Amino acid sequence: MLKDLLSDIVKINDVLLIVRIGGVIAEMRSNSLNLRQKDSWITIGDNDGPCHMHVDTNIVTKAQFVKEQKENRTSYHIRFFDKEGEKIMSAVFSKMYDDNMNIKPDRTKLYTELFQKYGSKETITF
């Protein structure tokens, strides 16, 4: 199910895949990313390209759909966690608001449809 969820995420334009380890943050925009799996490893992006990531399916144990209320907006993202409950990656839906800070219904629809496809549960275990 992890591969299916990641595959669906990378099909959506303007989702930032964010990995944070210590003092390093890596961000990849989902636009036109390839996804494939070999054994327990899912590769996102072109292995020979300038940027890609490898995700160990043995390490990622759950994902959480999160709508987080900020001061003047709501952020939409999916967080991925390891066996110890540590967040290891996020998929952040960007470009959710227009220039006047009005929410874009077509962008929220993408998030909602993905949430519904995976059972309308805030937390999914793999």
Protein backbone atom coordinates (compact mmCIF):
# COMPACT_ATOMS: atom_id res chain seq x y z
CA MET A 1 0.00 0.00 0.00
CA LEU A 2 2.97 2.37 0.60
CA LYS A 3 3.99 2.14 -3.04
CA ASP A 4 0.41 2.86 -4.15
CA LEU A 5 0.15 5.92 -1.90
CA LEU A 6 3.52 7.31 -3.01
CA SER A 7 2.64 6.61 -6.63
CA ASP A 8 -0.62 8.54 -6.26
CA ILE A 9 1.19 11.43 -4.56
CA VAL A 10 3.82 11.86 -7.28
CA LYS A 11 1.07 12.00 -9.91
CA ILE A 12 -0.19 15.24 -8.33
CA ASN A 13 1.63 18.39 -9.41
CA ASP A 14 2.98 20.80 -6.81
CA VAL A 15 3.42 18.43 -3.91
CA LEU A 16 6.72 18.87 -2.10
CA LEU A 17 8.35 15.70 -0.85
CA ILE A 18 10.41 16.76 2.15
CA VAL A 19 13.00 14.72 4.02
CA ARG A 20 14.57 16.23 7.14
CA ILE A 21 17.53 14.64 8.86
CA GLY A 22 19.33 16.61 11.54
CA GLY A 23 20.30 19.96 10.06
CA VAL A 24 19.62 18.94 6.46
CA ILE A 25 16.36 19.34 4.55
CA ALA A 26 15.86 17.96 1.04
CA GLU A 27 12.83 18.95 -1.04
CA MET A 28 11.62 17.49 -4.33
CA ARG A 29 8.63 18.74 -6.27
CA SER A 30 6.33 15.90 -7.37
CA ASN A 31 5.88 17.22 -10.90
CA SER A 32 6.78 14.46 -13.39
CA LEU A 33 8.55 12.16 -10.93
CA ASN A 34 8.86 8.49 -11.81
CA LEU A 35 8.33 5.81 -9.21
CA ARG A 36 9.43 2.18 -9.24
CA GLN A 37 10.09 -0.56 -6.72
CA LYS A 38 12.82 -3.19 -6.57
CA ASP A 39 12.75 -5.53 -3.60
CA SER A 40 12.01 -3.43 -0.49
CA TRP A 41 13.19 -0.14 -2.03
CA ILE A 42 10.95 2.38 -3.78
CA THR A 43 12.82 4.88 -5.94
CA ILE A 44 11.15 8.24 -6.52
CA GLY A 45 12.61 10.22 -9.41
CA ASP A 46 15.11 9.25 -12.08
CA ASN A 47 17.98 7.28 -10.56
CA ASP A 48 20.34 8.85 -13.12
CA GLY A 49 18.85 12.33 -12.79
CA PRO A 50 19.93 15.24 -10.64
CA CYS A 51 17.59 14.38 -7.76
CA HIS A 52 15.91 11.22 -6.56
CA MET A 53 15.22 9.38 -3.31
CA HIS A 54 15.05 5.81 -2.13
CA VAL A 55 12.43 4.74 0.40
CA ASP A 56 12.90 1.52 2.38
CA THR A 57 9.50 -0.12 2.71
CA ASN A 58 10.78 -2.08 5.72
CA ILE A 59 11.27 1.16 7.66
CA VAL A 60 8.13 3.17 6.84
CA THR A 61 5.32 1.86 9.04
CA LYS A 62 2.58 4.47 8.84
CA ALA A 63 1.33 7.60 7.13
CA GLN A 64 -0.86 10.36 8.54
CA PHE A 65 -3.12 12.69 6.59
CA VAL A 66 -2.87 16.07 8.29
CA LYS A 67 -4.79 19.32 7.86
CA GLU A 68 -2.96 21.80 10.04
CA GLN A 69 -4.54 25.15 10.89
CA LYS A 70 -1.99 27.95 10.72
CA GLU A 71 -2.52 31.62 11.56
CA ASN A 72 -4.00 32.62 8.19
CA ARG A 73 -4.30 29.35 6.28
CA THR A 74 -4.62 25.59 6.50
CA SER A 75 -1.78 23.39 5.32
CA TYR A 76 -2.41 19.96 3.81
CA HIS A 77 0.16 17.22 4.03
CA ILE A 78 0.85 13.53 4.51
CA ARG A 79 3.52 12.55 7.03
CA PHE A 80 5.41 9.27 6.92
CA PHE A 81 6.81 7.63 10.08
CA ASP A 82 9.29 4.89 10.93
CA LYS A 83 8.97 2.05 13.46
CA GLU A 84 9.99 4.34 16.33
CA GLY A 85 7.31 6.88 15.45
CA GLU A 86 9.82 9.38 14.05
CA LYS A 87 8.69 11.45 11.08
CA ILE A 88 10.97 10.61 8.17
CA MET A 89 9.23 12.29 5.24
CA SER A 90 6.34 14.60 4.40
CA ALA A 91 4.34 15.23 1.26
CA VAL A 92 3.17 18.85 1.44
CA PHE A 93 0.47 20.05 -0.93
CA SER A 94 1.63 23.45 -2.16
CA LYS A 95 -0.05 26.19 -4.19
CA MET A 96 -3.27 25.68 -2.22
CA TYR A 97 -4.16 29.40 -2.20
CA ASP A 98 -4.54 32.06 -4.87
CA ASP A 99 -2.91 35.51 -4.73
CA ASN A 100 -5.76 36.78 -2.51
CA MET A 101 -5.26 33.90 -0.03
CA ASN A 102 -8.46 32.18 -1.11
CA ILE A 103 -8.31 28.39 -0.98
CA LYS A 104 -8.32 26.71 -4.39
CA PRO A 105 -11.14 24.12 -4.39
CA ASP A 106 -9.47 22.06 -7.13
CA ARG A 107 -6.36 21.66 -4.93
CA THR A 108 -8.31 20.68 -1.80
CA LYS A 109 -10.26 18.21 -3.94
CA LEU A 110 -7.01 16.42 -4.84
CA TYR A 111 -6.14 16.02 -1.16
CA THR A 112 -9.68 14.94 -0.21
CA GLU A 113 -9.89 12.38 -3.00
CA LEU A 114 -6.58 10.85 -1.92
CA PHE A 115 -7.75 10.77 1.71
CA GLN A 116 -10.98 9.03 0.67
CA LYS A 117 -9.17 6.57 -1.60
CA TYR A 118 -7.15 5.36 1.39
CA GLY A 119 -10.17 4.78 3.59
CA SER A 120 -10.79 8.27 5.03
CA LYS A 121 -8.51 7.37 7.93
CA GLU A 122 -6.10 9.90 9.35
CA THR A 123 -3.52 7.17 10.01
CA ILE A 124 -2.67 4.32 7.67
CA THR A 125 -0.41 1.48 8.80
CA PHE A 126 1.72 -0.51 6.39
